[in-house]
C-alpha cells in the first residue's frame, strides 16, 4: 500500500520520471502475489492504483535505492542484518512513521487479521507519513522538485 500511495503522490507532482519506488518484503512469503484484496479495495477507494506483485528484497536494493524504509521494528531489524551482507553496510534505514511528527518509533500496524477499518487506518497512517517524507525529500533534494 505504501508504494502505491507514494507512486500516486509523485505522479501528482509530475515526478514519476525523477523518483522511482518499489516495495519488497524481507522474507520470501507472497513472492509474485498481488496484495490482499482489502488493500486493493482500500487503495481503489482513494484513487490509488496498485499493480505491484510481491518480491523479496535483494542485496542490490541497498545500492539501487537512496532510501530504504521499514514498516515496523521487526522488518527494520531484518533490514539492518541484510545490509551487513551487502556492499553498503553504512546505508541508513528508516522507519516509516518516524517521518510523521509525534510518531517516532511507532510501527505501521499490520491490518491482515482485521477488517476494512484496519486497512483504512493503515492507509491514513501511510498517507500522512508519506506526505512528511516528501516534504523531507524536497528539503534534501530541491532540484528534483523543480519543474
N, C-alpha and C. Protein backbone atom coordinates (compact mmCIF):
# COMPACT_ATOMS: atom_id res chain seq x y z
N UNK A 1 0.82 -1.19 0.00
CA UNK A 1 0.00 0.00 0.00
C UNK A 1 0.87 1.26 0.00
N UNK A 2 1.97 1.22 0.75
CA UNK A 2 2.85 2.39 0.83
C UNK A 2 3.40 2.75 -0.55
N UNK A 3 3.83 1.76 -1.30
CA UNK A 3 4.36 2.04 -2.64
C UNK A 3 3.29 2.66 -3.52
N UNK A 4 2.09 2.13 -3.49
CA UNK A 4 1.01 2.67 -4.30
C UNK A 4 0.68 4.12 -3.95
N UNK A 5 0.59 4.41 -2.66
CA UNK A 5 0.31 5.77 -2.22
C UNK A 5 1.43 6.71 -2.65
N UNK A 6 2.67 6.28 -2.42
CA UNK A 6 3.81 7.12 -2.77
C UNK A 6 3.87 7.37 -4.28
N UNK A 7 3.66 6.32 -5.06
CA UNK A 7 3.69 6.49 -6.51
C UNK A 7 2.60 7.44 -6.98
N UNK A 8 1.42 7.38 -6.36
CA UNK A 8 0.35 8.31 -6.71
C UNK A 8 0.75 9.75 -6.39
N UNK A 9 1.40 9.94 -5.26
CA UNK A 9 1.83 11.28 -4.86
C UNK A 9 2.89 11.83 -5.82
N UNK A 10 3.86 11.00 -6.20
CA UNK A 10 4.90 11.51 -7.10
C UNK A 10 4.35 11.73 -8.51
N UNK A 11 3.36 10.94 -8.89
CA UNK A 11 2.71 11.16 -10.18
C UNK A 11 1.96 12.49 -10.17
N UNK A 12 1.24 12.78 -9.08
CA UNK A 12 0.53 14.05 -8.95
C UNK A 12 1.48 15.24 -9.03
N UNK A 13 2.71 15.04 -8.57
CA UNK A 13 3.72 16.10 -8.63
C UNK A 13 4.46 16.14 -9.97
N UNK A 14 4.15 15.19 -10.86
CA UNK A 14 4.82 15.12 -12.15
C UNK A 14 6.26 14.65 -12.05
N UNK A 15 6.56 13.87 -11.02
CA UNK A 15 7.95 13.45 -10.77
C UNK A 15 8.20 11.96 -10.99
N UNK A 16 7.27 11.29 -11.69
CA UNK A 16 7.43 9.84 -11.84
C UNK A 16 8.66 9.44 -12.63
N UNK A 17 9.23 10.34 -13.42
CA UNK A 17 10.47 10.01 -14.13
C UNK A 17 11.70 10.30 -13.27
N UNK A 18 11.55 11.16 -12.27
CA UNK A 18 12.68 11.54 -11.42
C UNK A 18 12.79 10.68 -10.16
N UNK A 19 11.66 10.18 -9.69
CA UNK A 19 11.65 9.41 -8.44
C UNK A 19 11.01 8.05 -8.70
N UNK A 20 11.74 7.01 -8.35
CA UNK A 20 11.25 5.64 -8.52
C UNK A 20 11.14 4.99 -7.15
N UNK A 21 10.12 4.17 -6.98
CA UNK A 21 9.99 3.43 -5.73
C UNK A 21 9.59 1.99 -6.02
N UNK A 22 9.84 1.13 -5.07
CA UNK A 22 9.46 -0.26 -5.18
C UNK A 22 9.30 -0.81 -3.78
N UNK A 23 8.48 -1.81 -3.66
CA UNK A 23 8.21 -2.44 -2.37
C UNK A 23 8.77 -3.85 -2.39
N UNK A 24 9.29 -4.27 -1.24
CA UNK A 24 9.84 -5.62 -1.13
C UNK A 24 9.70 -6.09 0.31
N UNK A 25 9.53 -7.38 0.47
CA UNK A 25 9.50 -7.97 1.79
C UNK A 25 10.86 -8.49 2.19
N UNK A 26 11.06 -8.67 3.48
CA UNK A 26 12.34 -9.21 3.94
C UNK A 26 12.33 -10.73 3.97
N UNK A 27 11.17 -11.32 3.79
CA UNK A 27 11.06 -12.79 3.73
C UNK A 27 10.57 -13.19 2.34
N UNK A 28 10.50 -14.47 2.11
CA UNK A 28 10.09 -14.94 0.78
C UNK A 28 8.60 -15.26 0.70
N UNK A 29 7.83 -14.80 1.66
CA UNK A 29 6.38 -15.00 1.60
C UNK A 29 5.77 -14.16 0.50
N UNK A 30 4.81 -14.67 -0.18
CA UNK A 30 3.98 -13.93 -1.13
C UNK A 30 4.71 -13.44 -2.39
N UNK A 31 5.85 -14.02 -2.71
CA UNK A 31 6.55 -13.62 -3.93
C UNK A 31 5.65 -13.87 -5.13
N UNK A 32 5.51 -12.87 -5.96
CA UNK A 32 4.72 -12.97 -7.18
C UNK A 32 3.23 -12.76 -6.99
N UNK A 33 2.79 -12.63 -5.76
CA UNK A 33 1.36 -12.47 -5.49
C UNK A 33 0.95 -11.00 -5.51
N UNK A 34 -0.31 -10.78 -5.83
CA UNK A 34 -0.89 -9.44 -5.70
C UNK A 34 -1.15 -9.16 -4.23
N UNK A 35 -1.28 -7.88 -3.85
CA UNK A 35 -1.61 -7.56 -2.46
C UNK A 35 -2.98 -8.12 -2.07
N UNK A 36 -3.22 -8.18 -0.80
CA UNK A 36 -4.50 -8.59 -0.23
C UNK A 36 -5.63 -7.79 -0.89
N UNK A 37 -6.73 -8.45 -1.16
CA UNK A 37 -7.89 -7.79 -1.81
C UNK A 37 -8.35 -6.57 -1.04
N UNK A 38 -8.24 -6.61 0.30
CA UNK A 38 -8.66 -5.46 1.10
C UNK A 38 -7.72 -4.28 0.91
N UNK A 39 -6.46 -4.55 0.67
CA UNK A 39 -5.51 -3.48 0.34
C UNK A 39 -5.90 -2.84 -0.98
N UNK A 40 -6.16 -3.68 -1.97
CA UNK A 40 -6.54 -3.18 -3.29
C UNK A 40 -7.84 -2.38 -3.23
N UNK A 41 -8.79 -2.86 -2.46
CA UNK A 41 -10.08 -2.18 -2.32
C UNK A 41 -9.92 -0.82 -1.64
N UNK A 42 -9.16 -0.80 -0.57
CA UNK A 42 -8.92 0.46 0.15
C UNK A 42 -8.21 1.46 -0.74
N UNK A 43 -7.18 1.02 -1.42
CA UNK A 43 -6.44 1.91 -2.32
C UNK A 43 -7.35 2.44 -3.42
N UNK A 44 -8.16 1.57 -3.98
CA UNK A 44 -9.06 1.98 -5.06
C UNK A 44 -10.05 3.05 -4.58
N UNK A 45 -10.54 2.90 -3.35
CA UNK A 45 -11.45 3.91 -2.79
C UNK A 45 -10.80 5.29 -2.74
N UNK A 46 -9.47 5.31 -2.63
CA UNK A 46 -8.73 6.57 -2.55
C UNK A 46 -8.13 6.96 -3.89
N UNK A 47 -8.47 6.25 -4.94
CA UNK A 47 -7.97 6.57 -6.26
C UNK A 47 -6.52 6.19 -6.49
N UNK A 48 -6.04 5.24 -5.70
CA UNK A 48 -4.65 4.79 -5.80
C UNK A 48 -4.63 3.44 -6.53
N UNK A 49 -3.86 3.38 -7.60
CA UNK A 49 -3.74 2.15 -8.37
C UNK A 49 -2.54 1.35 -7.85
N UNK A 50 -2.76 0.07 -7.63
CA UNK A 50 -1.69 -0.82 -7.20
C UNK A 50 -1.59 -1.97 -8.18
N UNK A 51 -0.42 -2.10 -8.79
CA UNK A 51 -0.17 -3.20 -9.73
C UNK A 51 0.96 -4.11 -9.23
N UNK A 52 1.54 -3.75 -8.12
CA UNK A 52 2.72 -4.43 -7.60
C UNK A 52 2.44 -5.89 -7.26
N UNK A 53 3.42 -6.72 -7.53
CA UNK A 53 3.40 -8.12 -7.08
C UNK A 53 4.53 -8.27 -6.07
N UNK A 54 4.28 -9.11 -5.08
CA UNK A 54 5.25 -9.29 -4.01
C UNK A 54 6.61 -9.75 -4.51
N UNK A 55 7.64 -9.19 -3.92
CA UNK A 55 9.00 -9.62 -4.21
C UNK A 55 9.82 -9.55 -2.92
N UNK A 56 10.90 -10.29 -2.89
CA UNK A 56 11.79 -10.27 -1.75
C UNK A 56 12.90 -9.26 -1.99
N UNK A 57 13.28 -8.57 -0.95
CA UNK A 57 14.37 -7.61 -1.03
C UNK A 57 15.64 -8.30 -1.53
N UNK A 58 16.35 -7.62 -2.40
CA UNK A 58 17.63 -8.12 -2.91
C UNK A 58 18.75 -7.26 -2.31
N UNK A 59 19.91 -7.82 -2.14
CA UNK A 59 21.02 -7.03 -1.61
C UNK A 59 21.33 -5.84 -2.51
N UNK A 60 21.08 -5.97 -3.80
CA UNK A 60 21.31 -4.86 -4.73
C UNK A 60 20.38 -3.67 -4.45
N UNK A 61 19.27 -3.90 -3.73
CA UNK A 61 18.38 -2.79 -3.39
C UNK A 61 19.09 -1.76 -2.52
N UNK A 62 20.06 -2.18 -1.73
CA UNK A 62 20.81 -1.24 -0.91
C UNK A 62 21.66 -0.31 -1.77
N UNK A 63 22.01 -0.75 -2.95
CA UNK A 63 22.72 0.07 -3.92
C UNK A 63 21.75 0.91 -4.75
N UNK A 64 20.67 0.30 -5.16
CA UNK A 64 19.79 0.90 -6.16
C UNK A 64 18.82 1.94 -5.62
N UNK A 65 18.57 1.95 -4.32
CA UNK A 65 17.61 2.88 -3.75
C UNK A 65 18.28 3.79 -2.73
N UNK A 66 17.99 5.08 -2.83
CA UNK A 66 18.57 6.06 -1.91
C UNK A 66 17.98 5.91 -0.51
N UNK A 67 16.72 5.49 -0.44
CA UNK A 67 16.04 5.37 0.84
C UNK A 67 15.46 3.95 0.96
N UNK A 68 15.74 3.33 2.08
CA UNK A 68 15.15 2.04 2.42
C UNK A 68 14.30 2.30 3.67
N UNK A 69 13.02 1.96 3.59
CA UNK A 69 12.09 2.30 4.67
C UNK A 69 11.38 1.05 5.15
N UNK A 70 11.43 0.83 6.47
CA UNK A 70 10.76 -0.32 7.09
C UNK A 70 9.43 0.13 7.68
N UNK A 71 8.49 -0.80 7.73
CA UNK A 71 7.17 -0.51 8.29
C UNK A 71 7.09 -0.76 9.79
N UNK A 72 7.95 -1.64 10.30
CA UNK A 72 7.90 -1.96 11.73
C UNK A 72 9.29 -2.37 12.22
N UNK A 73 9.41 -2.55 13.53
CA UNK A 73 10.72 -2.83 14.12
C UNK A 73 11.27 -4.19 13.70
N UNK A 74 10.41 -5.19 13.49
CA UNK A 74 10.90 -6.49 13.04
C UNK A 74 11.55 -6.39 11.67
N UNK A 75 10.88 -5.71 10.75
CA UNK A 75 11.46 -5.54 9.42
C UNK A 75 12.67 -4.63 9.46
N UNK A 76 12.66 -3.65 10.33
CA UNK A 76 13.83 -2.78 10.49
C UNK A 76 15.04 -3.61 10.92
N UNK A 77 14.83 -4.48 11.89
CA UNK A 77 15.92 -5.35 12.35
C UNK A 77 16.39 -6.28 11.24
N UNK A 78 15.45 -6.88 10.50
CA UNK A 78 15.82 -7.75 9.37
C UNK A 78 16.63 -6.98 8.34
N UNK A 79 16.20 -5.76 8.04
CA UNK A 79 16.92 -4.93 7.06
C UNK A 79 18.32 -4.58 7.55
N UNK A 80 18.44 -4.30 8.85
CA UNK A 80 19.76 -3.98 9.41
C UNK A 80 20.70 -5.17 9.24
N UNK A 81 20.20 -6.37 9.44
CA UNK A 81 21.01 -7.58 9.27
C UNK A 81 21.37 -7.80 7.80
N UNK A 82 20.40 -7.61 6.92
CA UNK A 82 20.64 -7.81 5.49
C UNK A 82 21.65 -6.81 4.93
N UNK A 83 21.59 -5.59 5.38
CA UNK A 83 22.52 -4.59 4.84
C UNK A 83 23.97 -4.93 5.19
N UNK A 84 24.18 -5.64 6.29
CA UNK A 84 25.54 -6.05 6.65
C UNK A 84 26.10 -7.05 5.65
N UNK A 85 25.21 -7.76 4.96
CA UNK A 85 25.63 -8.71 3.92
C UNK A 85 25.85 -8.03 2.58
N UNK A 86 25.38 -6.79 2.47
CA UNK A 86 25.52 -6.05 1.22
C UNK A 86 26.86 -5.33 1.20
N UNK A 87 27.12 -4.65 0.10
CA UNK A 87 28.32 -3.84 -0.01
C UNK A 87 28.09 -2.44 0.55
N UNK A 88 26.96 -2.25 1.25
CA UNK A 88 26.58 -0.94 1.76
C UNK A 88 26.20 -1.02 3.24
N UNK A 89 27.15 -1.47 4.08
CA UNK A 89 26.82 -1.68 5.49
C UNK A 89 26.50 -0.40 6.25
N UNK A 90 26.81 0.75 5.69
CA UNK A 90 26.53 2.02 6.36
C UNK A 90 25.25 2.69 5.87
N UNK A 91 24.51 2.02 5.01
CA UNK A 91 23.27 2.58 4.46
C UNK A 91 22.29 2.83 5.60
N UNK A 92 21.72 4.03 5.63
CA UNK A 92 20.73 4.34 6.65
C UNK A 92 19.38 3.74 6.26
N UNK A 93 18.72 3.15 7.23
CA UNK A 93 17.40 2.57 7.02
C UNK A 93 16.43 3.32 7.94
N UNK A 94 15.29 3.66 7.41
CA UNK A 94 14.33 4.49 8.12
C UNK A 94 13.11 3.68 8.52
N UNK A 95 12.45 4.12 9.58
CA UNK A 95 11.17 3.57 9.99
C UNK A 95 10.09 4.53 9.49
N UNK A 96 9.11 4.01 8.78
CA UNK A 96 8.11 4.85 8.09
C UNK A 96 7.50 5.92 8.97
N UNK A 97 7.04 5.56 10.13
CA UNK A 97 6.33 6.53 10.95
C UNK A 97 7.25 7.56 11.58
N UNK A 98 8.55 7.37 11.50
CA UNK A 98 9.47 8.39 12.01
C UNK A 98 9.39 9.68 11.20
N UNK A 99 8.83 9.62 10.00
CA UNK A 99 8.67 10.82 9.18
C UNK A 99 7.53 11.69 9.68
N UNK A 100 6.56 11.11 10.38
CA UNK A 100 5.40 11.85 10.86
C UNK A 100 5.67 12.38 12.27
N UNK A 101 5.38 13.64 12.48
CA UNK A 101 5.62 14.27 13.78
C UNK A 101 4.88 13.52 14.89
N UNK A 102 5.59 13.26 15.98
CA UNK A 102 4.99 12.61 17.14
C UNK A 102 4.80 11.12 17.01
N UNK A 103 5.30 10.52 15.94
CA UNK A 103 5.10 9.08 15.75
C UNK A 103 6.41 8.30 15.71
N UNK A 104 7.49 8.92 16.14
CA UNK A 104 8.80 8.27 16.13
C UNK A 104 8.76 6.95 16.88
N UNK A 105 9.27 5.92 16.24
CA UNK A 105 9.37 4.60 16.84
C UNK A 105 8.13 3.74 16.71
N UNK A 106 7.05 4.32 16.19
CA UNK A 106 5.82 3.55 16.06
C UNK A 106 5.82 2.73 14.77
N UNK A 107 5.21 1.56 14.84
CA UNK A 107 5.09 0.69 13.68
C UNK A 107 3.84 1.02 12.89
N UNK A 108 3.90 0.75 11.60
CA UNK A 108 2.68 0.73 10.80
C UNK A 108 2.03 -0.60 11.14
N UNK A 109 0.81 -0.57 11.67
CA UNK A 109 0.20 -1.85 12.06
C UNK A 109 -0.10 -2.73 10.86
N UNK A 110 -0.07 -4.03 11.10
CA UNK A 110 -0.40 -5.00 10.05
C UNK A 110 -1.91 -5.23 10.11
N UNK A 111 -2.64 -4.84 9.07
CA UNK A 111 -4.10 -4.95 9.11
C UNK A 111 -4.63 -6.33 8.72
N UNK A 112 -3.77 -7.26 8.42
CA UNK A 112 -4.17 -8.53 7.82
C UNK A 112 -5.28 -9.25 8.60
N UNK A 113 -5.18 -9.28 9.90
CA UNK A 113 -6.17 -10.03 10.70
C UNK A 113 -7.35 -9.16 11.12
N UNK A 114 -7.42 -7.94 10.60
CA UNK A 114 -8.51 -7.05 10.94
C UNK A 114 -9.51 -6.93 9.80
N UNK A 115 -10.30 -5.89 9.89
CA UNK A 115 -11.32 -5.65 8.88
C UNK A 115 -10.98 -4.46 8.01
N UNK A 116 -11.95 -4.03 7.22
CA UNK A 116 -11.77 -2.91 6.31
C UNK A 116 -11.28 -1.66 7.04
N UNK A 117 -11.79 -1.44 8.26
CA UNK A 117 -11.41 -0.24 9.02
C UNK A 117 -9.92 -0.26 9.36
N UNK A 118 -9.34 -1.44 9.54
CA UNK A 118 -7.91 -1.54 9.83
C UNK A 118 -7.08 -1.18 8.59
N UNK A 119 -7.55 -1.56 7.43
CA UNK A 119 -6.86 -1.19 6.19
C UNK A 119 -6.97 0.31 5.96
N UNK A 120 -8.12 0.89 6.29
CA UNK A 120 -8.30 2.33 6.18
C UNK A 120 -7.37 3.07 7.14
N UNK A 121 -7.23 2.55 8.37
CA UNK A 121 -6.32 3.16 9.34
C UNK A 121 -4.89 3.16 8.81
N UNK A 122 -4.47 2.03 8.25
CA UNK A 122 -3.12 1.94 7.69
C UNK A 122 -2.97 2.91 6.52
N UNK A 123 -3.99 3.02 5.69
CA UNK A 123 -3.93 3.97 4.58
C UNK A 123 -3.69 5.38 5.13
N UNK A 124 -4.44 5.78 6.13
CA UNK A 124 -4.32 7.13 6.69
C UNK A 124 -2.93 7.36 7.31
N UNK A 125 -2.42 6.35 8.01
CA UNK A 125 -1.08 6.45 8.60
C UNK A 125 -0.04 6.64 7.50
N UNK A 126 -0.11 5.80 6.47
CA UNK A 126 0.87 5.88 5.38
C UNK A 126 0.74 7.19 4.61
N UNK A 127 -0.47 7.62 4.35
CA UNK A 127 -0.70 8.86 3.62
C UNK A 127 -0.03 10.03 4.33
N UNK A 128 -0.23 10.13 5.64
CA UNK A 128 0.36 11.23 6.42
C UNK A 128 1.89 11.12 6.48
N UNK A 129 2.40 9.92 6.74
CA UNK A 129 3.85 9.73 6.83
C UNK A 129 4.52 10.01 5.50
N UNK A 130 3.89 9.61 4.40
CA UNK A 130 4.48 9.84 3.08
C UNK A 130 4.44 11.31 2.68
N UNK A 131 3.44 12.05 3.13
CA UNK A 131 3.45 13.50 2.91
C UNK A 131 4.66 14.12 3.57
N UNK A 132 4.93 13.71 4.80
CA UNK A 132 6.09 14.25 5.52
C UNK A 132 7.41 13.77 4.89
N UNK A 133 7.44 12.53 4.43
CA UNK A 133 8.63 12.04 3.73
C UNK A 133 8.89 12.88 2.49
N UNK A 134 7.85 13.17 1.73
CA UNK A 134 8.02 14.02 0.54
C UNK A 134 8.51 15.42 0.91
N UNK A 135 8.01 15.97 2.01
CA UNK A 135 8.50 17.28 2.46
C UNK A 135 9.98 17.21 2.78
N UNK A 136 10.42 16.14 3.41
CA UNK A 136 11.84 15.98 3.72
C UNK A 136 12.66 15.78 2.45
N UNK A 137 12.11 15.06 1.48
CA UNK A 137 12.80 14.91 0.19
C UNK A 137 12.98 16.26 -0.50
N UNK A 138 11.95 17.10 -0.45
CA UNK A 138 12.02 18.43 -1.06
C UNK A 138 13.14 19.25 -0.45
N UNK A 139 13.28 19.14 0.88
CA UNK A 139 14.35 19.87 1.56
C UNK A 139 15.73 19.30 1.22
N UNK A 140 15.84 18.00 1.16
CA UNK A 140 17.12 17.34 0.93
C UNK A 140 17.54 17.36 -0.54
N UNK A 141 16.56 17.37 -1.45
CA UNK A 141 16.83 17.27 -2.89
C UNK A 141 16.00 18.29 -3.66
N UNK A 142 16.19 19.58 -3.41
CA UNK A 142 15.30 20.59 -4.02
C UNK A 142 15.32 20.60 -5.55
N UNK A 143 16.44 20.25 -6.16
CA UNK A 143 16.49 20.28 -7.62
C UNK A 143 15.55 19.27 -8.27
N UNK A 144 15.30 18.17 -7.60
CA UNK A 144 14.40 17.15 -8.13
C UNK A 144 12.98 17.69 -8.23
N UNK A 145 12.63 18.58 -7.34
CA UNK A 145 11.26 19.08 -7.26
C UNK A 145 11.02 20.34 -8.09
N UNK A 146 12.03 20.82 -8.78
CA UNK A 146 11.84 21.97 -9.65
C UNK A 146 11.27 21.51 -10.98
N UNK A 147 10.19 22.13 -11.39
CA UNK A 147 9.57 21.78 -12.68
C UNK A 147 9.91 22.83 -13.72
